[in-house]
């Protein structure tokens, strides 16, 4: 038995298989940041901090002794509880395929959006600075006119290149902006999405949890999402009618090169 306590839940093997499959299919859709930054892990639930490789001097414990404090970035734990109907779980055992997992679907969205928000905008309580907030470049103002997006994205790419940051590059953009891009056809019948791909040399990523958008280098080594426990499902409690489970992960995020991203904001 581990800390997830799945063995204590009144859920059959078939029920767990259905829950896990649904969670995986939903969560993958929302994990936009993982498509744009380096991923390290999973290192396990017991992994507590990221080594920053630096020290700070502290008061020595005795005369003639030097003391230094190792600097680390503590791992933050994210958890989203959700309920599953015991009747739906029983129907899984009967062979039903159309199971109501709405609460699980909402929980998957919440933890995915939270992870994206930590990566793009940071989390002060966890000591994390997001890649857009850490950018050393002035932000570029987004326009309401989607026809201007190629010019704005090209400008961001030029800023990165002039800073010596090689590509390919990726564009992370909020859902409303992504929808506008997909629906827009430029003069001459060229899809705006295709034009942006040509400018970037990389993907345009639908990214719930980001405010505005950002252009980032995909060359590697600039941003690291470090995961202790990857997103997993655990058991909390149950009643006669419902089983309360949760989605949980532990992570930290570091910006190693502030020059490697440009924010596009309104």
Protein backbone atom coordinates (compact mmCIF):
# COMPACT_ATOMS: atom_id res chain seq x y z
CA UNK A 1 0.00 0.00 0.00
CA UNK A 2 1.24 3.50 -0.80
CA UNK A 3 0.06 6.99 0.13
CA UNK A 4 -2.65 6.99 -2.57
CA UNK A 5 -4.56 4.34 -0.55
CA UNK A 6 -6.25 2.93 -3.65
CA UNK A 7 -6.49 -0.50 -2.05
CA UNK A 8 -8.93 0.90 0.53
CA UNK A 9 -11.40 2.25 -2.04
CA UNK A 10 -14.59 0.26 -2.80
CA UNK A 11 -13.60 0.20 -6.47
CA UNK A 12 -13.10 -2.96 -8.52
CA UNK A 13 -10.19 -3.56 -10.89
CA UNK A 14 -12.52 -2.80 -13.79
CA UNK A 15 -13.61 0.40 -12.08
CA UNK A 16 -10.02 1.56 -11.58
CA UNK A 17 -9.22 0.73 -15.19
CA UNK A 18 -12.15 2.85 -16.37
CA UNK A 19 -11.25 5.75 -14.09
CA UNK A 20 -7.58 5.69 -15.06
CA UNK A 21 -8.38 5.52 -18.78
CA UNK A 22 -10.79 8.45 -18.55
CA UNK A 23 -8.32 10.54 -16.54
CA UNK A 24 -5.49 9.89 -18.98
CA UNK A 25 -7.59 10.78 -22.02
CA UNK A 26 -8.73 14.06 -20.45
CA UNK A 27 -5.56 15.23 -18.72
CA UNK A 28 -3.38 14.85 -21.80
CA UNK A 29 -5.52 17.44 -23.57
CA UNK A 30 -4.89 20.10 -20.94
CA UNK A 31 -1.15 19.69 -20.29
CA UNK A 32 -0.07 22.39 -22.73
CA UNK A 33 3.07 23.51 -20.91
CA UNK A 34 4.64 20.06 -21.24
CA UNK A 35 4.65 20.50 -25.01
CA UNK A 36 6.91 23.55 -24.71
CA UNK A 37 9.32 23.02 -21.79
CA UNK A 38 11.76 20.31 -20.71
CA UNK A 39 10.28 17.59 -18.49
CA UNK A 40 12.32 15.98 -15.71
CA UNK A 41 10.93 13.02 -13.77
CA UNK A 42 8.89 11.56 -12.35
CA UNK A 43 11.21 11.30 -9.36
CA UNK A 44 8.67 9.84 -6.91
CA UNK A 45 6.39 11.07 -4.15
CA UNK A 46 9.27 11.30 -1.68
CA UNK A 47 11.15 13.79 -3.87
CA UNK A 48 11.00 17.03 -1.87
CA UNK A 49 13.12 19.71 -3.53
CA UNK A 50 15.01 20.71 -6.65
CA UNK A 51 18.73 21.30 -6.20
CA UNK A 52 19.60 24.79 -7.46
CA UNK A 53 23.35 24.19 -7.27
CA UNK A 54 23.96 27.36 -5.25
CA UNK A 55 24.76 28.24 -1.66
CA UNK A 56 24.37 31.20 0.67
CA UNK A 57 26.62 32.00 3.62
CA UNK A 58 25.14 31.57 7.08
CA UNK A 59 26.32 32.05 10.64
CA UNK A 60 29.03 29.54 11.46
CA UNK A 61 28.55 27.07 14.35
CA UNK A 62 32.05 27.68 15.67
CA UNK A 63 35.18 29.82 15.45
CA UNK A 64 37.27 29.26 12.34
CA UNK A 65 34.42 27.46 10.59
CA UNK A 66 32.67 28.56 7.42
CA UNK A 67 29.05 27.55 6.91
CA UNK A 68 26.97 27.62 3.75
CA UNK A 69 23.33 26.83 3.20
CA UNK A 70 22.45 24.78 0.11
CA UNK A 71 19.71 26.45 -1.94
CA UNK A 72 16.81 24.35 -3.11
CA UNK A 73 13.38 24.93 -4.64
CA UNK A 74 10.77 22.99 -2.65
CA UNK A 75 8.34 20.80 -4.55
CA UNK A 76 4.70 21.96 -4.48
CA UNK A 77 1.84 19.46 -4.25
CA UNK A 78 -1.34 20.01 -6.28
CA UNK A 79 -4.52 18.07 -5.42
CA UNK A 80 -8.05 18.19 -6.84
CA UNK A 81 -10.75 16.04 -5.15
CA UNK A 82 -13.73 14.67 -7.10
CA UNK A 83 -16.64 12.29 -6.54
CA UNK A 84 -17.63 9.20 -8.51
CA UNK A 85 -21.07 7.63 -8.18
CA UNK A 86 -21.00 4.10 -6.75
CA UNK A 87 -23.90 3.23 -9.03
CA UNK A 88 -21.78 4.22 -12.05
CA UNK A 89 -18.93 2.08 -10.71
CA UNK A 90 -21.28 -0.88 -10.38
CA UNK A 91 -22.38 -0.34 -13.98
CA UNK A 92 -18.75 -0.57 -15.10
CA UNK A 93 -18.62 -4.05 -13.56
CA UNK A 94 -21.77 -4.90 -15.52
CA UNK A 95 -20.01 -3.92 -18.73
CA UNK A 96 -21.40 -0.41 -19.30
CA UNK A 97 -19.25 1.79 -21.54
CA UNK A 98 -21.13 5.12 -21.24
CA UNK A 99 -20.07 5.98 -17.69
CA UNK A 100 -20.73 9.43 -16.21
CA UNK A 101 -17.29 10.80 -15.32
CA UNK A 102 -18.20 14.50 -15.40
CA UNK A 103 -16.64 15.25 -11.99
CA UNK A 104 -13.42 13.52 -13.01
CA UNK A 105 -13.38 15.46 -16.28
CA UNK A 106 -13.70 18.75 -14.38
CA UNK A 107 -10.94 17.73 -11.97
CA UNK A 108 -8.65 16.86 -14.90
CA UNK A 109 -9.21 20.30 -16.36
CA UNK A 110 -8.51 22.01 -13.04
CA UNK A 111 -5.21 20.27 -12.37
CA UNK A 112 -4.09 20.71 -15.98
CA UNK A 113 -4.90 24.42 -15.94
CA UNK A 114 -3.16 24.79 -12.57
CA UNK A 115 0.02 23.18 -13.90
CA UNK A 116 -0.02 25.45 -16.95
CA UNK A 117 -0.54 28.50 -14.76
CA UNK A 118 2.45 27.58 -12.57
CA UNK A 119 4.67 27.19 -15.64
CA UNK A 120 3.57 30.30 -17.52
CA UNK A 121 2.85 32.69 -14.63
CA UNK A 122 4.48 31.14 -11.59
CA UNK A 123 3.20 30.70 -8.04
CA UNK A 124 4.42 33.08 -5.34
CA UNK A 125 3.53 30.74 -2.49
CA UNK A 126 5.67 28.01 -4.01
CA UNK A 127 8.55 30.35 -4.85
CA UNK A 128 8.09 29.69 -8.58
CA UNK A 129 8.51 32.37 -11.25
CA UNK A 130 6.68 31.65 -14.49
CA UNK A 131 8.47 31.69 -17.81
CA UNK A 132 6.50 34.70 -19.10
CA UNK A 133 7.00 36.72 -15.90
CA UNK A 134 10.71 35.85 -15.93
CA UNK A 135 11.21 36.99 -19.53
CA UNK A 136 13.91 39.62 -19.89
CA UNK A 137 12.16 41.11 -22.93
CA UNK A 138 9.39 43.73 -22.98
CA UNK A 139 6.01 42.19 -23.70
CA UNK A 140 4.38 42.67 -27.09
CA UNK A 141 0.78 43.91 -27.18
CA UNK A 142 -1.71 41.51 -28.74
CA UNK A 143 -4.14 42.94 -31.27
CA UNK A 144 -7.85 42.21 -31.56
CA UNK A 145 -7.36 41.79 -35.30
CA UNK A 146 -6.10 38.25 -35.93
CA UNK A 147 -4.70 39.32 -39.32
CA UNK A 148 -1.95 41.10 -37.34
CA UNK A 149 -0.85 37.97 -35.51
CA UNK A 150 1.81 36.95 -38.09
CA UNK A 151 3.48 40.34 -37.66
CA UNK A 152 3.38 40.15 -33.85
CA UNK A 153 4.63 36.58 -33.69
CA UNK A 154 7.38 37.34 -36.23
CA UNK A 155 8.42 40.30 -34.08
CA UNK A 156 8.67 38.03 -31.03
CA UNK A 157 10.73 35.50 -32.99
CA UNK A 158 13.06 38.29 -34.15
CA UNK A 159 13.52 39.43 -30.53
CA UNK A 160 14.58 35.90 -29.56
CA UNK A 161 16.94 35.54 -32.50
CA UNK A 162 18.56 38.90 -31.81
CA UNK A 163 19.21 37.66 -28.27
CA UNK A 164 21.03 34.61 -29.65
CA UNK A 165 18.17 32.24 -28.85
CA UNK A 166 17.80 29.64 -31.57
CA UNK A 167 14.60 27.89 -32.61
CA UNK A 168 12.40 26.21 -33.42
CA UNK A 169 9.85 28.26 -31.51
CA UNK A 170 6.39 27.57 -30.16
CA UNK A 171 3.38 29.78 -29.48
CA UNK A 172 1.28 29.13 -26.37
CA UNK A 173 -2.04 30.94 -26.50
CA UNK A 174 -5.24 31.09 -24.45
CA UNK A 175 -8.22 29.11 -25.77
CA UNK A 176 -10.12 32.12 -27.14
CA UNK A 177 -7.07 33.26 -29.10
CA UNK A 178 -6.42 29.75 -30.39
CA UNK A 179 -9.99 29.49 -31.64
CA UNK A 180 -9.64 32.82 -33.43
CA UNK A 181 -6.44 31.65 -35.11
CA UNK A 182 -7.99 28.39 -36.30
CA UNK A 183 -11.04 30.20 -37.70
CA UNK A 184 -9.07 32.89 -39.55
CA UNK A 185 -8.12 32.70 -43.21
CA UNK A 186 -5.76 35.39 -44.47
CA UNK A 187 -6.06 37.22 -47.78
CA UNK A 188 -5.25 34.79 -50.56
CA UNK A 189 -6.87 31.88 -48.74
CA UNK A 190 -3.89 30.94 -46.54
CA UNK A 191 -4.86 29.58 -43.13
CA UNK A 192 -3.49 31.76 -40.34
CA UNK A 193 -2.52 28.63 -38.38
CA UNK A 194 -0.32 27.42 -41.26
CA UNK A 195 1.30 30.84 -41.60
CA UNK A 196 2.18 30.91 -37.90
CA UNK A 197 3.66 27.41 -38.13
CA UNK A 198 5.96 28.65 -40.90
CA UNK A 199 7.10 31.64 -38.84
CA UNK A 200 7.70 29.62 -35.69
CA UNK A 201 9.05 26.40 -37.12
CA UNK A 202 7.11 24.78 -34.27
CA UNK A 203 3.62 24.34 -32.82
CA UNK A 204 0.78 26.67 -31.93
CA UNK A 205 -0.43 25.26 -28.59
CA UNK A 206 -3.91 25.60 -27.09
CA UNK A 207 -3.01 26.55 -23.52
CA UNK A 208 -5.74 26.97 -20.90
CA UNK A 209 -4.25 28.74 -17.88
CA UNK A 210 -2.15 31.23 -19.81
CA UNK A 211 -3.07 34.91 -19.88
CA UNK A 212 -2.60 36.21 -23.41
CA UNK A 213 0.13 34.28 -25.19
CA UNK A 214 3.85 33.66 -25.32
CA UNK A 215 6.51 32.70 -27.84
CA UNK A 216 9.17 30.38 -26.44
CA UNK A 217 12.24 28.65 -27.81
CA UNK A 218 12.02 24.87 -28.14
CA UNK A 219 15.78 24.34 -28.45
CA UNK A 220 15.84 22.82 -24.95
CA UNK A 221 17.71 23.64 -21.76
CA UNK A 222 15.87 26.90 -21.04
CA UNK A 223 12.87 25.83 -18.93
CA UNK A 224 12.50 22.76 -16.72
CA UNK A 225 9.31 21.30 -15.29
CA UNK A 226 10.52 18.92 -12.59
CA UNK A 227 7.96 16.38 -11.40
CA UNK A 228 8.13 14.26 -8.27
CA UNK A 229 4.90 12.30 -8.55
CA UNK A 230 3.24 12.58 -11.93
CA UNK A 231 -0.52 13.08 -11.98
CA UNK A 232 -2.09 10.14 -10.13
CA UNK A 233 -5.44 9.20 -8.61
CA UNK A 234 -5.82 8.51 -4.90
CA UNK A 235 -8.63 7.62 -2.50
CA UNK A 236 -10.03 9.89 0.24
CA UNK A 237 -13.31 8.46 1.55
CA UNK A 238 -16.69 7.08 0.55
CA UNK A 239 -20.36 6.97 1.47
CA UNK A 240 -23.17 4.64 0.47
CA UNK A 241 -23.64 6.67 -2.71
CA UNK A 242 -20.28 8.12 -3.74
CA UNK A 243 -16.55 7.49 -3.65
CA UNK A 244 -14.34 10.56 -3.15
CA UNK A 245 -11.06 10.36 -5.04
CA UNK A 246 -8.46 12.96 -6.01
CA UNK A 247 -5.98 13.85 -8.70
CA UNK A 248 -2.55 14.73 -7.33
CA UNK A 249 0.92 15.67 -8.54
CA UNK A 250 4.06 17.25 -7.11
CA UNK A 251 6.26 19.59 -9.11
CA UNK A 252 8.60 22.55 -9.36
CA UNK A 253 9.47 24.79 -12.30
CA UNK A 254 12.65 26.71 -13.12
CA UNK A 255 13.56 29.28 -15.74
CA UNK A 256 17.20 28.77 -16.68
CA UNK A 257 17.30 31.31 -19.53
CA UNK A 258 15.05 34.39 -19.18
CA UNK A 259 15.96 35.46 -22.72
CA UNK A 260 14.20 32.43 -24.23
CA UNK A 261 10.58 33.67 -24.01
CA UNK A 262 8.59 36.69 -25.10
CA UNK A 263 5.18 37.46 -23.59
CA UNK A 264 2.30 38.66 -25.75
CA UNK A 265 -0.22 40.43 -23.56
CA UNK A 266 -3.29 42.62 -23.81
